[in-house]
PDB file of all heavy atoms in Angstrom:
ATOM      1  N   ILE A   1       0.877  -1.173   0.022  1.00  0.00           N
ATOM      2  CA  ILE A   1       0.046  -0.021  -0.012  1.00  0.00           C
ATOM      3  C   ILE A   1       0.875   1.207   0.049  1.00  0.00           C
ATOM      4  O   ILE A   1       1.717   1.417   0.906  1.00  0.00           O
ATOM      5  CB  ILE A   1      -0.919   0.004   1.246  1.00  0.00           C
ATOM      6  CG1 ILE A   1      -1.745  -1.282   1.315  1.00  0.00           C
ATOM      7  CG2 ILE A   1      -1.850   1.175   1.204  1.00  0.00           C
ATOM      8  CD1 ILE A   1      -2.504  -1.539   2.608  1.00  0.00           C
ATOM      9  N   PHE A   2       0.790   2.080  -0.988  1.00  0.00           N
ATOM     10  CA  PHE A   2       1.833   3.108  -1.165  1.00  0.00           C
ATOM     11  C   PHE A   2       1.085   4.358  -1.741  1.00  0.00           C
ATOM     12  O   PHE A   2       0.090   4.331  -2.422  1.00  0.00           O
ATOM     13  CB  PHE A   2       2.919   2.688  -2.042  1.00  0.00           C
ATOM     14  CG  PHE A   2       2.505   2.193  -3.413  1.00  0.00           C
ATOM     15  CD1 PHE A   2       2.540   3.099  -4.494  1.00  0.00           C
ATOM     16  CD2 PHE A   2       2.100   0.909  -3.608  1.00  0.00           C
ATOM     17  CE1 PHE A   2       2.052   2.718  -5.705  1.00  0.00           C
ATOM     18  CE2 PHE A   2       1.694   0.483  -4.850  1.00  0.00           C
ATOM     19  CZ  PHE A   2       1.632   1.385  -5.918  1.00  0.00           C
ATOM     20  N   LYS A   3       1.792   5.465  -1.603  1.00  0.00           N
ATOM     21  CA  LYS A   3       1.404   6.776  -2.189  1.00  0.00           C
ATOM     22  C   LYS A   3       2.479   7.274  -3.192  1.00  0.00           C
ATOM     23  O   LYS A   3       2.158   7.995  -4.105  1.00  0.00           O
ATOM     24  CB  LYS A   3       1.167   7.817  -1.128  1.00  0.00           C
ATOM     25  CG  LYS A   3      -0.038   7.460  -0.203  1.00  0.00           C
ATOM     26  CD  LYS A   3      -0.242   8.513   0.831  1.00  0.00           C
ATOM     27  CE  LYS A   3      -1.437   8.152   1.684  1.00  0.00           C
ATOM     28  NZ  LYS A   3      -1.651   9.235   2.809  1.00  0.00           N
ATOM     29  N   THR A   4       3.734   6.966  -2.894  1.00  0.00           N
ATOM     30  CA  THR A   4       4.835   7.420  -3.731  1.00  0.00           C
ATOM     31  C   THR A   4       5.545   6.242  -4.422  1.00  0.00           C
ATOM     32  O   THR A   4       5.559   5.150  -3.850  1.00  0.00           O
ATOM     33  CB  THR A   4       5.752   8.261  -2.990  1.00  0.00           C
ATOM     34  OG1 THR A   4       6.490   7.382  -2.049  1.00  0.00           O
ATOM     35  CG2 THR A   4       5.149   9.406  -2.229  1.00  0.00           C
ATOM     36  N   GLU A   5       6.108   6.490  -5.538  1.00  0.00           N
ATOM     37  CA  GLU A   5       6.888   5.447  -6.232  1.00  0.00           C
ATOM     38  C   GLU A   5       8.048   5.030  -5.459  1.00  0.00           C
ATOM     39  O   GLU A   5       8.434   3.871  -5.423  1.00  0.00           O
ATOM     40  CB  GLU A   5       7.278   5.908  -7.646  1.00  0.00           C
ATOM     41  CG  GLU A   5       7.823   4.827  -8.511  1.00  0.00           C
ATOM     42  CD  GLU A   5       6.814   3.620  -8.643  1.00  0.00           C
ATOM     43  OE1 GLU A   5       5.595   3.888  -8.753  1.00  0.00           O
ATOM     44  OE2 GLU A   5       7.288   2.445  -8.539  1.00  0.00           O
ATOM     45  N   GLU A   6       8.694   6.020  -4.765  1.00  0.00           N
ATOM     46  CA  GLU A   6       9.902   5.677  -3.926  1.00  0.00           C
ATOM     47  C   GLU A   6       9.401   4.769  -2.720  1.00  0.00           C
ATOM     48  O   GLU A   6      10.075   3.772  -2.445  1.00  0.00           O
ATOM     49  CB  GLU A   6      10.446   6.920  -3.361  1.00  0.00           C
ATOM     50  CG  GLU A   6      11.690   6.746  -2.534  1.00  0.00           C
ATOM     51  CD  GLU A   6      12.234   8.029  -1.914  1.00  0.00           C
ATOM     52  OE1 GLU A   6      11.677   9.083  -2.227  1.00  0.00           O
ATOM     53  OE2 GLU A   6      13.203   7.957  -1.189  1.00  0.00           O
ATOM     54  N   GLY A   7       8.261   5.048  -2.155  1.00  0.00           N
ATOM     55  CA  GLY A   7       7.724   4.286  -1.056  1.00  0.00           C
ATOM     56  C   GLY A   7       7.363   2.915  -1.553  1.00  0.00           C
ATOM     57  O   GLY A   7       7.554   1.850  -0.872  1.00  0.00           O
ATOM     58  N   HIS A   8       6.768   2.817  -2.743  1.00  0.00           N
ATOM     59  CA  HIS A   8       6.355   1.610  -3.334  1.00  0.00           C
ATOM     60  C   HIS A   8       7.567   0.628  -3.512  1.00  0.00           C
ATOM     61  O   HIS A   8       7.486  -0.574  -3.073  1.00  0.00           O
ATOM     62  CB  HIS A   8       5.733   1.897  -4.792  1.00  0.00           C
ATOM     63  CG  HIS A   8       5.280   0.650  -5.522  1.00  0.00           C
ATOM     64  ND1 HIS A   8       5.104   0.675  -6.856  1.00  0.00           N
ATOM     65  CD2 HIS A   8       4.948  -0.605  -5.091  1.00  0.00           C
ATOM     66  CE1 HIS A   8       4.714  -0.527  -7.286  1.00  0.00           C
ATOM     67  NE2 HIS A   8       4.601  -1.301  -6.198  1.00  0.00           N
ATOM     68  N   GLN A   9       8.697   1.149  -4.078  1.00  0.00           N
ATOM     69  CA  GLN A   9       9.843   0.314  -4.272  1.00  0.00           C
ATOM     70  C   GLN A   9      10.420  -0.214  -2.938  1.00  0.00           C
ATOM     71  O   GLN A   9      10.835  -1.335  -2.804  1.00  0.00           O
ATOM     72  CB  GLN A   9      10.849   1.075  -5.128  1.00  0.00           C
ATOM     73  CG  GLN A   9      11.992   0.123  -5.488  1.00  0.00           C
ATOM     74  CD  GLN A   9      11.632  -0.982  -6.288  1.00  0.00           C
ATOM     75  OE1 GLN A   9      10.818  -0.893  -7.274  1.00  0.00           O
ATOM     76  NE2 GLN A   9      11.970  -2.214  -5.912  1.00  0.00           N
ATOM     77  N   ALA A  10      10.443   0.722  -1.902  1.00  0.00           N
ATOM     78  CA  ALA A  10      11.014   0.377  -0.651  1.00  0.00           C
ATOM     79  C   ALA A  10      10.173  -0.781  -0.014  1.00  0.00           C
ATOM     80  O   ALA A  10      10.712  -1.692   0.616  1.00  0.00           O
ATOM     81  CB  ALA A  10      11.046   1.584   0.195  1.00  0.00           C
ATOM     82  N   ILE A  11       8.786  -0.635  -0.110  1.00  0.00           N
ATOM     83  CA  ILE A  11       7.913  -1.698   0.437  1.00  0.00           C
ATOM     84  C   ILE A  11       8.189  -3.004  -0.271  1.00  0.00           C
ATOM     85  O   ILE A  11       8.255  -4.013   0.357  1.00  0.00           O
ATOM     86  CB  ILE A  11       6.451  -1.251   0.313  1.00  0.00           C
ATOM     87  CG1 ILE A  11       6.154  -0.124   1.268  1.00  0.00           C
ATOM     88  CG2 ILE A  11       5.545  -2.416   0.636  1.00  0.00           C
ATOM     89  CD1 ILE A  11       4.896   0.572   1.040  1.00  0.00           C
ATOM     90  N   LEU A  12       8.274  -2.983  -1.609  1.00  0.00           N
ATOM     91  CA  LEU A  12       8.534  -4.225  -2.410  1.00  0.00           C
ATOM     92  C   LEU A  12       9.788  -4.824  -2.012  1.00  0.00           C
ATOM     93  O   LEU A  12       9.909  -6.059  -1.856  1.00  0.00           O
ATOM     94  CB  LEU A  12       8.516  -3.905  -3.861  1.00  0.00           C
ATOM     95  CG  LEU A  12       7.098  -3.622  -4.524  1.00  0.00           C
ATOM     96  CD1 LEU A  12       7.304  -3.377  -6.014  1.00  0.00           C
ATOM     97  CD2 LEU A  12       6.151  -4.812  -4.333  1.00  0.00           C
ATOM     98  N   ASP A  13      10.823  -4.035  -1.794  1.00  0.00           N
ATOM     99  CA  ASP A  13      12.118  -4.624  -1.404  1.00  0.00           C
ATOM    100  C   ASP A  13      12.011  -5.413  -0.076  1.00  0.00           C
ATOM    101  O   ASP A  13      12.554  -6.546   0.049  1.00  0.00           O
ATOM    102  CB  ASP A  13      13.174  -3.475  -1.221  1.00  0.00           C
ATOM    103  CG  ASP A  13      13.558  -2.895  -2.614  1.00  0.00           C
ATOM    104  OD1 ASP A  13      13.318  -3.573  -3.601  1.00  0.00           O
ATOM    105  OD2 ASP A  13      14.186  -1.811  -2.531  1.00  0.00           O
ATOM    106  N   LYS A  14      11.279  -4.824   0.837  1.00  0.00           N
ATOM    107  CA  LYS A  14      11.048  -5.527   2.160  1.00  0.00           C
ATOM    108  C   LYS A  14      10.200  -6.789   1.970  1.00  0.00           C
ATOM    109  O   LYS A  14      10.537  -7.771   2.569  1.00  0.00           O
ATOM    110  CB  LYS A  14      10.394  -4.537   3.127  1.00  0.00           C
ATOM    111  CG  LYS A  14      10.248  -5.039   4.554  1.00  0.00           C
ATOM    112  CD  LYS A  14      11.562  -5.361   5.137  1.00  0.00           C
ATOM    113  CE  LYS A  14      11.489  -5.917   6.525  1.00  0.00           C
ATOM    114  NZ  LYS A  14      12.847  -6.326   7.102  1.00  0.00           N
ATOM    115  N   MET A  15       9.198  -6.614   1.209  1.00  0.00           N
ATOM    116  CA  MET A  15       8.316  -7.812   0.987  1.00  0.00           C
ATOM    117  C   MET A  15       9.069  -8.955   0.331  1.00  0.00           C
ATOM    118  O   MET A  15       8.889 -10.119   0.699  1.00  0.00           O
ATOM    119  CB  MET A  15       7.055  -7.436   0.109  1.00  0.00           C
ATOM    120  CG  MET A  15       5.991  -6.623   0.837  1.00  0.00           C
ATOM    121  SD  MET A  15       4.546  -6.330  -0.119  1.00  0.00           S
ATOM    122  CE  MET A  15       3.403  -5.898   1.192  1.00  0.00           C
ATOM    123  N   TYR A  16       9.903  -8.721  -0.649  1.00  0.00           N
ATOM    124  CA  TYR A  16      10.618  -9.704  -1.357  1.00  0.00           C
ATOM    125  C   TYR A  16      11.686 -10.335  -0.425  1.00  0.00           C
ATOM    126  O   TYR A  16      11.994 -11.512  -0.495  1.00  0.00           O
ATOM    127  CB  TYR A  16      11.285  -9.252  -2.625  1.00  0.00           C
ATOM    128  CG  TYR A  16      10.241  -9.251  -3.768  1.00  0.00           C
ATOM    129  CD1 TYR A  16       9.716  -8.096  -4.239  1.00  0.00           C
ATOM    130  CD2 TYR A  16       9.819 -10.473  -4.348  1.00  0.00           C
ATOM    131  CE1 TYR A  16       8.769  -7.989  -5.251  1.00  0.00           C
ATOM    132  CE2 TYR A  16       8.899 -10.450  -5.380  1.00  0.00           C
ATOM    133  CZ  TYR A  16       8.376  -9.235  -5.852  1.00  0.00           C
ATOM    134  OH  TYR A  16       7.462  -9.252  -6.825  1.00  0.00           O
ATOM    135  N   GLU A  17      12.148  -9.562   0.583  1.00  0.00           N
ATOM    136  CA  GLU A  17      12.977 -10.062   1.613  1.00  0.00           C
ATOM    137  C   GLU A  17      12.280 -11.051   2.529  1.00  0.00           C
ATOM    138  O   GLU A  17      12.785 -12.164   2.751  1.00  0.00           O
ATOM    139  CB  GLU A  17      13.566  -8.890   2.426  1.00  0.00           C
ATOM    140  CG  GLU A  17      14.527  -9.289   3.542  1.00  0.00           C
ATOM    141  CD  GLU A  17      14.850  -8.108   4.407  1.00  0.00           C
ATOM    142  OE1 GLU A  17      15.143  -7.018   3.876  1.00  0.00           O
ATOM    143  OE2 GLU A  17      14.827  -8.220   5.697  1.00  0.00           O
ATOM    144  N   ILE A  18      11.078 -10.684   2.881  1.00  0.00           N
ATOM    145  CA  ILE A  18      10.229 -11.585   3.712  1.00  0.00           C
ATOM    146  C   ILE A  18       9.892 -12.826   2.898  1.00  0.00           C
ATOM    147  O   ILE A  18       9.848 -13.986   3.378  1.00  0.00           O
ATOM    148  CB  ILE A  18       8.941 -10.865   4.226  1.00  0.00           C
ATOM    149  CG1 ILE A  18       9.334  -9.654   5.177  1.00  0.00           C
ATOM    150  CG2 ILE A  18       8.030 -11.816   4.936  1.00  0.00           C
ATOM    151  CD1 ILE A  18       8.217  -8.789   5.452  1.00  0.00           C
ATOM    152  N   LYS A  19       9.504 -12.684   1.671  1.00  0.00           N
ATOM    153  CA  LYS A  19       9.091 -13.779   0.768  1.00  0.00           C
ATOM    154  C   LYS A  19      10.234 -14.777   0.667  1.00  0.00           C
ATOM    155  O   LYS A  19      10.004 -15.979   0.808  1.00  0.00           O
ATOM    156  CB  LYS A  19       8.801 -13.198  -0.615  1.00  0.00           C
ATOM    157  CG  LYS A  19       8.340 -14.240  -1.696  1.00  0.00           C
ATOM    158  CD  LYS A  19       7.943 -13.587  -2.996  1.00  0.00           C
ATOM    159  CE  LYS A  19       7.352 -14.522  -4.022  1.00  0.00           C
ATOM    160  NZ  LYS A  19       8.397 -15.377  -4.648  1.00  0.00           N
ATOM    161  N   LYS A  20      11.409 -14.283   0.508  1.00  0.00           N
ATOM    162  CA  LYS A  20      12.633 -15.207   0.408  1.00  0.00           C
ATOM    163  C   LYS A  20      12.783 -16.046   1.669  1.00  0.00           C
ATOM    164  O   LYS A  20      13.064 -17.250   1.663  1.00  0.00           O
ATOM    165  CB  LYS A  20      13.860 -14.437   0.086  1.00  0.00           C
ATOM    166  CG  LYS A  20      15.077 -15.229  -0.164  1.00  0.00           C
ATOM    167  CD  LYS A  20      16.277 -14.356  -0.489  1.00  0.00           C
ATOM    168  CE  LYS A  20      17.573 -15.214  -0.691  1.00  0.00           C
ATOM    169  NZ  LYS A  20      18.755 -14.385  -1.071  1.00  0.00           N
ATOM    170  N   ALA A  21      12.574 -15.341   2.855  1.00  0.00           N
ATOM    171  CA  ALA A  21      12.734 -16.009   4.117  1.00  0.00           C
ATOM    172  C   ALA A  21      11.659 -17.046   4.339  1.00  0.00           C
ATOM    173  O   ALA A  21      11.895 -18.221   4.748  1.00  0.00           O
ATOM    174  CB  ALA A  21      12.686 -15.054   5.216  1.00  0.00           C
ATOM    175  N   LEU A  22      10.426 -16.739   3.904  1.00  0.00           N
ATOM    176  CA  LEU A  22       9.321 -17.706   4.009  1.00  0.00           C
ATOM    177  C   LEU A  22       9.470 -18.883   3.069  1.00  0.00           C
ATOM    178  O   LEU A  22       9.208 -20.034   3.457  1.00  0.00           O
ATOM    179  CB  LEU A  22       7.984 -17.070   3.752  1.00  0.00           C
ATOM    180  CG  LEU A  22       7.386 -16.199   4.896  1.00  0.00           C
ATOM    181  CD1 LEU A  22       6.278 -15.348   4.458  1.00  0.00           C
ATOM    182  CD2 LEU A  22       6.979 -17.108   6.100  1.00  0.00           C
ATOM    183  N   GLU A  23       9.940 -18.641   1.868  1.00  0.00           N
ATOM    184  CA  GLU A  23      10.170 -19.708   0.909  1.00  0.00           C
ATOM    185  C   GLU A  23      11.235 -20.675   1.337  1.00  0.00           C
ATOM    186  O   GLU A  23      11.249 -21.865   1.067  1.00  0.00           O
ATOM    187  CB  GLU A  23      10.433 -19.085  -0.425  1.00  0.00           C
ATOM    188  CG  GLU A  23       9.241 -18.501  -1.181  1.00  0.00           C
ATOM    189  CD  GLU A  23       9.528 -17.836  -2.471  1.00  0.00           C
ATOM    190  OE1 GLU A  23      10.711 -17.470  -2.673  1.00  0.00           O
ATOM    191  OE2 GLU A  23       8.579 -17.595  -3.226  1.00  0.00           O
ATOM    192  N   ALA A  24      12.250 -20.055   2.026  1.00  0.00           N
ATOM    193  CA  ALA A  24      13.303 -20.970   2.608  1.00  0.00           C
ATOM    194  C   ALA A  24      12.741 -21.894   3.650  1.00  0.00           C
ATOM    195  O   ALA A  24      13.364 -23.000   3.845  1.00  0.00           O
ATOM    196  CB  ALA A  24      14.345 -20.068   3.256  1.00  0.00           C
ATOM    197  N   GLN A  25      11.602 -21.598   4.207  1.00  0.00           N
ATOM    198  CA  GLN A  25      10.976 -22.524   5.156  1.00  0.00           C
ATOM    199  C   GLN A  25       9.988 -23.398   4.528  1.00  0.00           C
ATOM    200  O   GLN A  25       9.197 -24.083   5.186  1.00  0.00           O
ATOM    201  CB  GLN A  25      10.293 -21.662   6.337  1.00  0.00           C
ATOM    202  CG  GLN A  25      11.297 -20.884   7.096  1.00  0.00           C
ATOM    203  CD  GLN A  25      10.688 -20.219   8.306  1.00  0.00           C
ATOM    204  OE1 GLN A  25      10.248 -20.916   9.264  1.00  0.00           O
ATOM    205  NE2 GLN A  25      10.614 -18.963   8.340  1.00  0.00           N
ATOM    206  N   GLY A  26       9.890 -23.325   3.184  1.00  0.00           N
ATOM    207  CA  GLY A  26       8.951 -24.247   2.414  1.00  0.00           C
ATOM    208  C   GLY A  26       7.631 -23.713   2.151  1.00  0.00           C
ATOM    209  O   GLY A  26       6.699 -24.454   1.773  1.00  0.00           O
ATOM    210  N   HIS A  27       7.396 -22.413   2.342  1.00  0.00           N
ATOM    211  CA  HIS A  27       6.055 -21.882   2.143  1.00  0.00           C
ATOM    212  C   HIS A  27       5.854 -21.193   0.710  1.00  0.00           C
ATOM    213  O   HIS A  27       6.837 -20.701   0.180  1.00  0.00           O
ATOM    214  CB  HIS A  27       5.750 -20.822   3.178  1.00  0.00           C
ATOM    215  CG  HIS A  27       5.775 -21.422   4.604  1.00  0.00           C
ATOM    216  ND1 HIS A  27       5.009 -22.459   5.031  1.00  0.00           N
ATOM    217  CD2 HIS A  27       6.558 -21.056   5.651  1.00  0.00           C
ATOM    218  CE1 HIS A  27       5.219 -22.791   6.246  1.00  0.00           C
ATOM    219  NE2 HIS A  27       6.208 -21.946   6.697  1.00  0.00           N
ATOM    220  N   SER A  28       4.655 -21.314   0.208  1.00  0.00           N
ATOM    221  CA  SER A  28       4.379 -20.618  -1.012  1.00  0.00           C
ATOM    222  C   SER A  28       3.917 -19.211  -0.861  1.00  0.00           C
ATOM    223  O   SER A  28       2.918 -19.020  -0.041  1.00  0.00           O
ATOM    224  CB  SER A  28       3.334 -21.454  -1.847  1.00  0.00           C
ATOM    225  OG  SER A  28       2.167 -21.710  -1.080  1.00  0.00           O
ATOM    226  N   VAL A  29       4.486 -18.212  -1.495  1.00  0.00           N
ATOM    227  CA  VAL A  29       4.230 -16.825  -1.252  1.00  0.00           C
ATOM    228  C   VAL A  29       4.066 -16.039  -2.545  1.00  0.00           C
ATOM    229  O   VAL A  29       4.757 -16.309  -3.546  1.00  0.00           O
ATOM    230  CB  VAL A  29       5.397 -16.197  -0.420  1.00  0.00           C
ATOM    231  CG1 VAL A  29       5.072 -14.806  -0.027  1.00  0.00           C
ATOM    232  CG2 VAL A  29       5.753 -17.012   0.735  1.00  0.00           C
ATOM    233  N   LYS A  30       3.136 -15.108  -2.507  1.00  0.00           N
ATOM    234  CA  LYS A  30       2.860 -14.283  -3.689  1.00  0.00           C
ATOM    235  C   LYS A  30       2.871 -12.816  -3.248  1.00  0.00           C
ATOM    236  O   LYS A  30       2.140 -12.458  -2.305  1.00  0.00           O
ATOM    237  CB  LYS A  30       1.541 -14.671  -4.408  1.00  0.00           C
ATOM    238  CG  LYS A  30       1.291 -13.745  -5.616  1.00  0.00           C
ATOM    239  CD  LYS A  30      -0.022 -14.157  -6.340  1.00  0.00           C
ATOM    240  CE  LYS A  30      -0.268 -13.276  -7.492  1.00  0.00           C
ATOM    241  NZ  LYS A  30       0.679 -13.303  -8.597  1.00  0.00           N
ATOM    242  N   VAL A  31       3.625 -11.955  -3.954  1.00  0.00           N
ATOM    243  CA  VAL A  31       3.485 -10.529  -3.807  1.00  0.00           C
ATOM    244  C   VAL A  31       2.567  -9.975  -4.869  1.00  0.00           C
ATOM    245  O   VAL A  31       2.875 -10.143  -6.050  1.00  0.00           O
ATOM    246  CB  VAL A  31       4.880  -9.874  -3.896  1.00  0.00           C
ATOM    247  CG1 VAL A  31       4.785  -8.307  -3.802  1.00  0.00           C
ATOM    248  CG2 VAL A  31       5.823 -10.386  -2.793  1.00  0.00           C
ATOM    249  N   ASP A  32       1.491  -9.447  -4.484  1.00  0.00           N
ATOM    250  CA  ASP A  32       0.463  -8.985  -5.423  1.00  0.00           C
ATOM    251  C   ASP A  32       0.704  -7.494  -5.698  1.00  0.00           C
ATOM    252  O   ASP A  32       0.287  -6.614  -5.068  1.00  0.00           O
ATOM    253  CB  ASP A  32      -0.956  -9.138  -4.835  1.00  0.00           C
ATOM    254  CG  ASP A  32      -2.067  -8.757  -5.869  1.00  0.00           C
ATOM    255  OD1 ASP A  32      -1.626  -8.208  -7.042  1.00  0.00           O
ATOM    256  OD2 ASP A  32      -3.198  -8.986  -5.596  1.00  0.00           O
ATOM    257  N   ASP A  33       1.465  -7.262  -6.827  1.00  0.00           N
ATOM    258  CA  ASP A  33       1.909  -5.905  -7.144  1.00  0.00           C
ATOM    259  C   ASP A  33       1.169  -5.405  -8.294  1.00  0.00           C
ATOM    260  O   ASP A  33       1.671  -4.534  -9.068  1.00  0.00           O
ATOM    261  CB  ASP A  33       3.414  -5.902  -7.377  1.00  0.00           C
ATOM    262  CG  ASP A  33       3.914  -4.423  -7.442  1.00  0.00           C
ATOM    263  OD1 ASP A  33       3.390  -3.602  -6.727  1.00  0.00           O
ATOM    264  OD2 ASP A  33       4.885  -4.184  -8.166  1.00  0.00           O
ATOM    265  N   ARG A  34      -0.014  -5.931  -8.594  1.00  0.00           N
ATOM    266  CA  ARG A  34      -0.785  -5.497  -9.714  1.00  0.00           C
ATOM    267  C   ARG A  34      -1.207  -3.962  -9.497  1.00  0.00           C
ATOM    268  O   ARG A  34      -1.787  -3.605  -8.502  1.00  0.00           O
ATOM    269  CB  ARG A  34      -2.060  -6.287  -9.949  1.00  0.00           C
ATOM    270  CG  ARG A  34      -1.830  -7.760 -10.345  1.00  0.00           C
ATOM    271  CD  ARG A  34      -3.097  -8.583 -10.387  1.00  0.00           C
ATOM    272  NE  ARG A  34      -3.616  -8.750  -9.028  1.00  0.00           N
ATOM    273  CZ  ARG A  34      -4.752  -9.368  -8.672  1.00  0.00           C
ATOM    274  NH1 ARG A  34      -5.547  -9.737  -9.686  1.00  0.00           N
ATOM    275  NH2 ARG A  34      -5.212  -9.468  -7.433  1.00  0.00           N
TER     276      ARG A  34
END
């Protein structure tokens, strides 16, 4: 959830970091960036 493009990218970076950690534990994860 974002208002600025800069904020959008920073949030995505954090989400993909969390996604990688969850996938390492065997979980299926999707970042919905539509």
